[in-house]
């Protein structure tokens, strides 16, 4: 539920996706909407769409083919730089 995701982010001190700026280092909480691996060798890494109740961001793990536990519907707390 959108409101619950947004409230969870606020209660943990995580930034909301809608407020994030390019280049900013952030911690976010949200639900994975989709997870994909491009190409046979996954040279581009694993990509996942994280939705936090305000907006979506694309997460990228370079050099990874698969990450156990990273699957659609999973709730995650992530930390990184907005590209």
PDB file of N, CA and C in Angstrom:
ATOM      1  N   UNK A   1       0.851  -1.172   0.000  1.00  0.00           N
ATOM      2  CA  UNK A   1       0.000   0.000   0.000  1.00  0.00           C
ATOM      3  C   UNK A   1       0.902   1.242   0.000  1.00  0.00           C
ATOM      4  N   UNK A   2       0.577   2.179  -0.871  1.00  0.00           N
ATOM      5  CA  UNK A   2       1.398   3.368  -1.104  1.00  0.00           C
ATOM      6  C   UNK A   2       1.615   4.175   0.170  1.00  0.00           C
ATOM      7  N   UNK A   3       0.561   4.416   0.915  1.00  0.00           N
ATOM      8  CA  UNK A   3       0.668   5.225   2.132  1.00  0.00           C
ATOM      9  C   UNK A   3       1.547   4.534   3.175  1.00  0.00           C
ATOM     10  N   UNK A   4       1.419   3.223   3.297  1.00  0.00           N
ATOM     11  CA  UNK A   4       2.222   2.467   4.262  1.00  0.00           C
ATOM     12  C   UNK A   4       3.707   2.545   3.916  1.00  0.00           C
ATOM     13  N   UNK A   5       4.044   2.403   2.625  1.00  0.00           N
ATOM     14  CA  UNK A   5       5.442   2.504   2.201  1.00  0.00           C
ATOM     15  C   UNK A   5       6.010   3.880   2.522  1.00  0.00           C
ATOM     16  N   UNK A   6       5.244   4.913   2.216  1.00  0.00           N
ATOM     17  CA  UNK A   6       5.680   6.286   2.464  1.00  0.00           C
ATOM     18  C   UNK A   6       5.867   6.541   3.963  1.00  0.00           C
ATOM     19  N   UNK A   7       4.941   6.026   4.785  1.00  0.00           N
ATOM     20  CA  UNK A   7       5.037   6.182   6.238  1.00  0.00           C
ATOM     21  C   UNK A   7       6.247   5.442   6.798  1.00  0.00           C
ATOM     22  N   UNK A   8       6.522   4.244   6.268  1.00  0.00           N
ATOM     23  CA  UNK A   8       7.666   3.454   6.737  1.00  0.00           C
ATOM     24  C   UNK A   8       8.973   4.188   6.457  1.00  0.00           C
ATOM     25  N   UNK A   9       9.074   4.772   5.281  1.00  0.00           N
ATOM     26  CA  UNK A   9      10.277   5.527   4.932  1.00  0.00           C
ATOM     27  C   UNK A   9      10.459   6.698   5.895  1.00  0.00           C
ATOM     28  N   UNK A  10       9.387   7.415   6.165  1.00  0.00           N
ATOM     29  CA  UNK A  10       9.459   8.577   7.054  1.00  0.00           C
ATOM     30  C   UNK A  10       9.835   8.173   8.478  1.00  0.00           C
ATOM     31  N   UNK A  11       9.284   7.069   8.964  1.00  0.00           N
ATOM     32  CA  UNK A  11       9.531   6.654  10.353  1.00  0.00           C
ATOM     33  C   UNK A  11      10.950   6.130  10.574  1.00  0.00           C
ATOM     34  N   UNK A  12      11.631   5.713   9.514  1.00  0.00           N
ATOM     35  CA  UNK A  12      12.993   5.181   9.649  1.00  0.00           C
ATOM     36  C   UNK A  12      14.058   6.207   9.285  1.00  0.00           C
ATOM     37  N   UNK A  13      13.633   7.380   8.851  1.00  0.00           N
ATOM     38  CA  UNK A  13      14.591   8.413   8.467  1.00  0.00           C
ATOM     39  C   UNK A  13      15.112   8.268   7.051  1.00  0.00           C
ATOM     40  N   UNK A  14      14.546   7.342   6.295  1.00  0.00           N
ATOM     41  CA  UNK A  14      14.969   7.146   4.904  1.00  0.00           C
ATOM     42  C   UNK A  14      14.447   8.297   4.041  1.00  0.00           C
ATOM     43  N   UNK A  15      15.195   8.610   2.985  1.00  0.00           N
ATOM     44  CA  UNK A  15      14.758   9.649   2.058  1.00  0.00           C
ATOM     45  C   UNK A  15      13.640   9.105   1.169  1.00  0.00           C
ATOM     46  N   UNK A  16      12.764  10.015   0.746  1.00  0.00           N
ATOM     47  CA  UNK A  16      11.715   9.654  -0.209  1.00  0.00           C
ATOM     48  C   UNK A  16      12.275   9.816  -1.612  1.00  0.00           C
ATOM     49  N   UNK A  17      11.929   8.905  -2.494  1.00  0.00           N
ATOM     50  CA  UNK A  17      12.442   8.948  -3.869  1.00  0.00           C
ATOM     51  C   UNK A  17      12.120  10.275  -4.541  1.00  0.00           C
ATOM     52  N   UNK A  18      10.957  10.797  -4.293  1.00  0.00           N
ATOM     53  CA  UNK A  18      10.526  12.033  -4.948  1.00  0.00           C
ATOM     54  C   UNK A  18      11.398  13.227  -4.540  1.00  0.00           C
ATOM     55  N   UNK A  19      12.065  13.133  -3.382  1.00  0.00           N
ATOM     56  CA  UNK A  19      12.898  14.233  -2.883  1.00  0.00           C
ATOM     57  C   UNK A  19      14.375  14.088  -3.234  1.00  0.00           C
ATOM     58  N   UNK A  20      14.778  12.961  -3.805  1.00  0.00           N
ATOM     59  CA  UNK A  20      16.195  12.693  -4.073  1.00  0.00           C
ATOM     60  C   UNK A  20      16.697  13.479  -5.281  1.00  0.00           C
ATOM     61  N   UNK A  21      17.958  13.906  -5.195  1.00  0.00           N
ATOM     62  CA  UNK A  21      18.598  14.660  -6.268  1.00  0.00           C
ATOM     63  C   UNK A  21      19.762  13.862  -6.837  1.00  0.00           C
ATOM     64  N   UNK A  22      20.029  14.046  -8.111  1.00  0.00           N
ATOM     65  CA  UNK A  22      21.160  13.384  -8.776  1.00  0.00           C
ATOM     66  C   UNK A  22      22.456  13.706  -8.027  1.00  0.00           C
ATOM     67  N   UNK A  23      23.266  12.663  -7.787  1.00  0.00           N
ATOM     68  CA  UNK A  23      24.540  12.831  -7.105  1.00  0.00           C
ATOM     69  C   UNK A  23      24.466  12.727  -5.590  1.00  0.00           C
ATOM     70  N   UNK A  24      23.267  12.748  -5.047  1.00  0.00           N
ATOM     71  CA  UNK A  24      23.067  12.695  -3.601  1.00  0.00           C
ATOM     72  C   UNK A  24      23.236  11.261  -3.086  1.00  0.00           C
ATOM     73  N   UNK A  25      23.872  11.112  -1.927  1.00  0.00           N
ATOM     74  CA  UNK A  25      23.973   9.808  -1.270  1.00  0.00           C
ATOM     75  C   UNK A  25      22.731   9.643  -0.399  1.00  0.00           C
ATOM     76  N   UNK A  26      21.999   8.541  -0.576  1.00  0.00           N
ATOM     77  CA  UNK A  26      20.710   8.372   0.092  1.00  0.00           C
ATOM     78  C   UNK A  26      20.549   6.971   0.679  1.00  0.00           C
ATOM     79  N   UNK A  27      19.645   6.877   1.642  1.00  0.00           N
ATOM     80  CA  UNK A  27      19.154   5.602   2.151  1.00  0.00           C
ATOM     81  C   UNK A  27      17.659   5.608   1.888  1.00  0.00           C
ATOM     82  N   UNK A  28      17.159   4.534   1.288  1.00  0.00           N
ATOM     83  CA  UNK A  28      15.745   4.440   0.936  1.00  0.00           C
ATOM     84  C   UNK A  28      15.181   3.096   1.359  1.00  0.00           C
ATOM     85  N   UNK A  29      13.870   3.064   1.572  1.00  0.00           N
ATOM     86  CA  UNK A  29      13.152   1.820   1.846  1.00  0.00           C
ATOM     87  C   UNK A  29      12.008   1.742   0.855  1.00  0.00           C
ATOM     88  N   UNK A  30      11.817   0.578   0.256  1.00  0.00           N
ATOM     89  CA  UNK A  30      10.728   0.408  -0.690  1.00  0.00           C
ATOM     90  C   UNK A  30      10.558  -1.041  -1.082  1.00  0.00           C
ATOM     91  N   UNK A  31       9.652  -1.256  -2.021  1.00  0.00           N
ATOM     92  CA  UNK A  31       9.342  -2.591  -2.517  1.00  0.00           C
ATOM     93  C   UNK A  31       9.835  -2.730  -3.948  1.00  0.00           C
ATOM     94  N   UNK A  32      10.466  -3.858  -4.238  1.00  0.00           N
ATOM     95  CA  UNK A  32      10.931  -4.113  -5.601  1.00  0.00           C
ATOM     96  C   UNK A  32       9.740  -4.442  -6.490  1.00  0.00           C
ATOM     97  N   UNK A  33       9.562  -3.660  -7.532  1.00  0.00           N
ATOM     98  CA  UNK A  33       8.481  -3.897  -8.495  1.00  0.00           C
ATOM     99  C   UNK A  33       8.913  -4.860  -9.585  1.00  0.00           C
ATOM    100  N   UNK A  34      10.178  -4.778  -9.976  1.00  0.00           N
ATOM    101  CA  UNK A  34      10.687  -5.670 -11.023  1.00  0.00           C
ATOM    102  C   UNK A  34      12.178  -5.868 -10.829  1.00  0.00           C
ATOM    103  N   UNK A  35      12.658  -7.019 -11.284  1.00  0.00           N
ATOM    104  CA  UNK A  35      14.083  -7.345 -11.232  1.00  0.00           C
ATOM    105  C   UNK A  35      14.436  -7.962 -12.568  1.00  0.00           C
ATOM    106  N   UNK A  36      15.541  -7.507 -13.169  1.00  0.00           N
ATOM    107  CA  UNK A  36      15.938  -8.049 -14.471  1.00  0.00           C
ATOM    108  C   UNK A  36      17.446  -8.146 -14.602  1.00  0.00           C
ATOM    109  N   UNK A  37      17.835  -9.016 -15.494  1.00  0.00           N
ATOM    110  CA  UNK A  37      19.237  -9.219 -15.832  1.00  0.00           C
ATOM    111  C   UNK A  37      19.291  -9.150 -17.351  1.00  0.00           C
ATOM    112  N   UNK A  38      20.006  -8.163 -17.894  1.00  0.00           N
ATOM    113  CA  UNK A  38      20.044  -7.982 -19.348  1.00  0.00           C
ATOM    114  C   UNK A  38      21.104  -8.852 -20.001  1.00  0.00           C
ATOM    115  N   UNK A  39      20.734  -9.518 -21.061  1.00  0.00           N
ATOM    116  CA  UNK A  39      21.685 -10.298 -21.852  1.00  0.00           C
ATOM    117  C   UNK A  39      22.071 -11.615 -21.227  1.00  0.00           C
ATOM    118  N   UNK A  40      22.695 -12.463 -22.036  1.00  0.00           N
ATOM    119  CA  UNK A  40      23.097 -13.792 -21.585  1.00  0.00           C
ATOM    120  C   UNK A  40      24.055 -13.737 -20.412  1.00  0.00           C
ATOM    121  N   UNK A  41      25.044 -12.891 -20.511  1.00  0.00           N
ATOM    122  CA  UNK A  41      26.075 -12.856 -19.473  1.00  0.00           C
ATOM    123  C   UNK A  41      25.759 -11.848 -18.368  1.00  0.00           C
ATOM    124  N   UNK A  42      24.682 -11.117 -18.510  1.00  0.00           N
ATOM    125  CA  UNK A  42      24.305 -10.077 -17.539  1.00  0.00           C
ATOM    126  C   UNK A  42      25.423  -9.061 -17.363  1.00  0.00           C
ATOM    127  N   UNK A  43      26.089  -8.724 -18.447  1.00  0.00           N
ATOM    128  CA  UNK A  43      27.229  -7.806 -18.392  1.00  0.00           C
ATOM    129  C   UNK A  43      26.851  -6.472 -17.752  1.00  0.00           C
ATOM    130  N   UNK A  44      25.602  -6.055 -17.923  1.00  0.00           N
ATOM    131  CA  UNK A  44      25.156  -4.790 -17.342  1.00  0.00           C
ATOM    132  C   UNK A  44      24.793  -4.905 -15.879  1.00  0.00           C
ATOM    133  N   UNK A  45      24.807  -6.111 -15.343  1.00  0.00           N
ATOM    134  CA  UNK A  45      24.468  -6.315 -13.942  1.00  0.00           C
ATOM    135  C   UNK A  45      22.989  -6.536 -13.726  1.00  0.00           C
ATOM    136  N   UNK A  46      22.615  -6.616 -12.470  1.00  0.00           N
ATOM    137  CA  UNK A  46      21.222  -6.803 -12.079  1.00  0.00           C
ATOM    138  C   UNK A  46      20.596  -5.426 -11.905  1.00  0.00           C
ATOM    139  N   UNK A  47      19.395  -5.260 -12.456  1.00  0.00           N
ATOM    140  CA  UNK A  47      18.662  -4.002 -12.328  1.00  0.00           C
ATOM    141  C   UNK A  47      17.324  -4.292 -11.664  1.00  0.00           C
ATOM    142  N   UNK A  48      16.896  -3.391 -10.788  1.00  0.00           N
ATOM    143  CA  UNK A  48      15.627  -3.565 -10.097  1.00  0.00           C
ATOM    144  C   UNK A  48      14.957  -2.210  -9.895  1.00  0.00           C
ATOM    145  N   UNK A  49      13.638  -2.187 -10.030  1.00  0.00           N
ATOM    146  CA  UNK A  49      12.864  -0.972  -9.786  1.00  0.00           C
ATOM    147  C   UNK A  49      12.366  -0.996  -8.345  1.00  0.00           C
ATOM    148  N   UNK A  50      12.748   0.019  -7.565  1.00  0.00           N
ATOM    149  CA  UNK A  50      12.337   0.145  -6.169  1.00  0.00           C
ATOM    150  C   UNK A  50      11.293   1.251  -6.068  1.00  0.00           C
ATOM    151  N   UNK A  51      10.138   0.949  -5.482  1.00  0.00           N
ATOM    152  CA  UNK A  51       9.065   1.931  -5.300  1.00  0.00           C
ATOM    153  C   UNK A  51       8.880   2.176  -3.808  1.00  0.00           C
ATOM    154  N   UNK A  52       8.901   3.449  -3.407  1.00  0.00           N
ATOM    155  CA  UNK A  52       8.809   3.778  -1.978  1.00  0.00           C
ATOM    156  C   UNK A  52       7.504   4.458  -1.576  1.00  0.00           C
ATOM    157  N   UNK A  53       6.534   4.490  -2.471  1.00  0.00           N
ATOM    158  CA  UNK A  53       5.262   5.133  -2.166  1.00  0.00           C
ATOM    159  C   UNK A  53       5.165   6.538  -2.719  1.00  0.00           C
ATOM    160  N   UNK A  54       6.314   7.123  -3.126  1.00  0.00           N
ATOM    161  CA  UNK A  54       6.291   8.466  -3.707  1.00  0.00           C
ATOM    162  C   UNK A  54       6.742   8.455  -5.161  1.00  0.00           C
ATOM    163  N   UNK A  55       7.689   7.582  -5.484  1.00  0.00           N
ATOM    164  CA  UNK A  55       8.247   7.501  -6.838  1.00  0.00           C
ATOM    165  C   UNK A  55       9.088   6.232  -6.919  1.00  0.00           C
ATOM    166  N   UNK A  56       9.584   5.938  -8.102  1.00  0.00           N
ATOM    167  CA  UNK A  56      10.431   4.763  -8.310  1.00  0.00           C
ATOM    168  C   UNK A  56      11.852   5.180  -8.639  1.00  0.00           C
ATOM    169  N   UNK A  57      12.802   4.329  -8.264  1.00  0.00           N
ATOM    170  CA  UNK A  57      14.195   4.508  -8.669  1.00  0.00           C
ATOM    171  C   UNK A  57      14.685   3.169  -9.220  1.00  0.00           C
ATOM    172  N   UNK A  58      15.639   3.234 -10.130  1.00  0.00           N
ATOM    173  CA  UNK A  58      16.238   2.027 -10.686  1.00  0.00           C
ATOM    174  C   UNK A  58      17.518   1.736  -9.917  1.00  0.00           C
ATOM    175  N   UNK A  59      17.588   0.560  -9.326  1.00  0.00           N
ATOM    176  CA  UNK A  59      18.790   0.113  -8.620  1.00  0.00           C
ATOM    177  C   UNK A  59      19.623  -0.710  -9.582  1.00  0.00           C
ATOM    178  N   UNK A  60      20.944  -0.566  -9.529  1.00  0.00           N
ATOM    179  CA  UNK A  60      21.831  -1.330 -10.411  1.00  0.00           C
ATOM    180  C   UNK A  60      22.973  -1.902  -9.580  1.00  0.00           C
ATOM    181  N   UNK A  61      23.169  -3.210  -9.703  1.00  0.00           N
ATOM    182  CA  UNK A  61      24.309  -3.890  -9.092  1.00  0.00           C
ATOM    183  C   UNK A  61      25.202  -4.336 -10.234  1.00  0.00           C
ATOM    184  N   UNK A  62      26.267  -3.587 -10.500  1.00  0.00           N
ATOM    185  CA  UNK A  62      27.161  -3.885 -11.618  1.00  0.00           C
ATOM    186  C   UNK A  62      27.959  -5.155 -11.353  1.00  0.00           C
ATOM    187  N   UNK A  63      28.168  -5.926 -12.417  1.00  0.00           N
ATOM    188  CA  UNK A  63      28.995  -7.121 -12.331  1.00  0.00           C
ATOM    189  C   UNK A  63      28.324  -8.309 -11.671  1.00  0.00           C
ATOM    190  N   UNK A  64      27.046  -8.200 -11.379  1.00  0.00           N
ATOM    191  CA  UNK A  64      26.321  -9.306 -10.752  1.00  0.00           C
ATOM    192  C   UNK A  64      25.418  -9.990 -11.772  1.00  0.00           C
ATOM    193  N   UNK A  65      25.336 -11.297 -11.708  1.00  0.00           N
ATOM    194  CA  UNK A  65      24.428 -12.047 -12.585  1.00  0.00           C
ATOM    195  C   UNK A  65      23.123 -12.342 -11.877  1.00  0.00           C
ATOM    196  N   UNK A  66      23.225 -12.590 -10.592  1.00  0.00           N
ATOM    197  CA  UNK A  66      22.057 -12.909  -9.784  1.00  0.00           C
ATOM    198  C   UNK A  66      22.406 -12.586  -8.343  1.00  0.00           C
ATOM    199  N   UNK A  67      21.431 -12.114  -7.588  1.00  0.00           N
ATOM    200  CA  UNK A  67      21.644 -11.829  -6.174  1.00  0.00           C
ATOM    201  C   UNK A  67      20.542 -12.544  -5.398  1.00  0.00           C
ATOM    202  N   UNK A  68      20.894 -13.549  -4.611  1.00  0.00           N
ATOM    203  CA  UNK A  68      19.876 -14.273  -3.841  1.00  0.00           C
ATOM    204  C   UNK A  68      19.059 -13.311  -2.978  1.00  0.00           C
ATOM    205  N   UNK A  69      17.738 -13.484  -3.001  1.00  0.00           N
ATOM    206  CA  UNK A  69      16.850 -12.646  -2.200  1.00  0.00           C
ATOM    207  C   UNK A  69      16.373 -11.392  -2.894  1.00  0.00           C
ATOM    208  N   UNK A  70      17.003 -11.023  -4.004  1.00  0.00           N
ATOM    209  CA  UNK A  70      16.557  -9.846  -4.756  1.00  0.00           C
ATOM    210  C   UNK A  70      15.523 -10.326  -5.766  1.00  0.00           C
ATOM    211  N   UNK A  71      14.246 -10.113  -5.425  1.00  0.00           N
ATOM    212  CA  UNK A  71      13.144 -10.577  -6.267  1.00  0.00           C
ATOM    213  C   UNK A  71      11.957  -9.637  -6.123  1.00  0.00           C
ATOM    214  N   UNK A  72      11.105  -9.621  -7.130  1.00  0.00           N
ATOM    215  CA  UNK A  72       9.924  -8.753  -7.126  1.00  0.00           C
ATOM    216  C   UNK A  72       9.079  -9.006  -5.884  1.00  0.00           C
ATOM    217  N   UNK A  73       8.555  -7.914  -5.318  1.00  0.00           N
ATOM    218  CA  UNK A  73       7.693  -8.003  -4.151  1.00  0.00           C
ATOM    219  C   UNK A  73       8.437  -7.894  -2.827  1.00  0.00           C
ATOM    220  N   UNK A  74       9.734  -7.967  -2.861  1.00  0.00           N
ATOM    221  CA  UNK A  74      10.560  -7.911  -1.650  1.00  0.00           C
ATOM    222  C   UNK A  74      10.705  -6.469  -1.184  1.00  0.00           C
ATOM    223  N   UNK A  75      10.661  -6.235   0.124  1.00  0.00           N
ATOM    224  CA  UNK A  75      10.899  -4.908   0.684  1.00  0.00           C
ATOM    225  C   UNK A  75      12.369  -4.818   1.080  1.00  0.00           C
ATOM    226  N   UNK A  76      13.017  -3.725   0.672  1.00  0.00           N
ATOM    227  CA  UNK A  76      14.446  -3.548   0.918  1.00  0.00           C
ATOM    228  C   UNK A  76      14.754  -2.178   1.499  1.00  0.00           C
ATOM    229  N   UNK A  77      15.839  -2.127   2.259  1.00  0.00           N
ATOM    230  CA  UNK A  77      16.448  -0.860   2.661  1.00  0.00           C
ATOM    231  C   UNK A  77      17.756  -0.805   1.894  1.00  0.00           C
ATOM    232  N   UNK A  78      17.957   0.243   1.111  1.00  0.00           N
ATOM    233  CA  UNK A  78      19.151   0.354   0.272  1.00  0.00           C
ATOM    234  C   UNK A  78      19.867   1.671   0.550  1.00  0.00           C
ATOM    235  N   UNK A  79      21.164   1.672   0.267  1.00  0.00           N
ATOM    236  CA  UNK A  79      21.976   2.873   0.444  1.00  0.00           C
ATOM    237  C   UNK A  79      22.877   3.009  -0.774  1.00  0.00           C
ATOM    238  N   UNK A  80      22.951   4.206  -1.324  1.00  0.00           N
ATOM    239  CA  UNK A  80      23.813   4.423  -2.472  1.00  0.00           C
ATOM    240  C   UNK A  80      23.697   5.844  -2.986  1.00  0.00           C
ATOM    241  N   UNK A  81      24.281   6.063  -4.151  1.00  0.00           N
ATOM    242  CA  UNK A  81      24.292   7.386  -4.773  1.00  0.00           C
ATOM    243  C   UNK A  81      23.313   7.411  -5.943  1.00  0.00           C
ATOM    244  N   UNK A  82      22.524   8.478  -6.017  1.00  0.00           N
ATOM    245  CA  UNK A  82      21.555   8.645  -7.101  1.00  0.00           C
ATOM    246  C   UNK A  82      22.307   9.046  -8.362  1.00  0.00           C
ATOM    247  N   UNK A  83      22.109   8.278  -9.440  1.00  0.00           N
ATOM    248  CA  UNK A  83      22.812   8.537 -10.701  1.00  0.00           C
ATOM    249  C   UNK A  83      22.017   9.369 -11.657  1.00  0.00           C
TER     250      UNK A  83
END
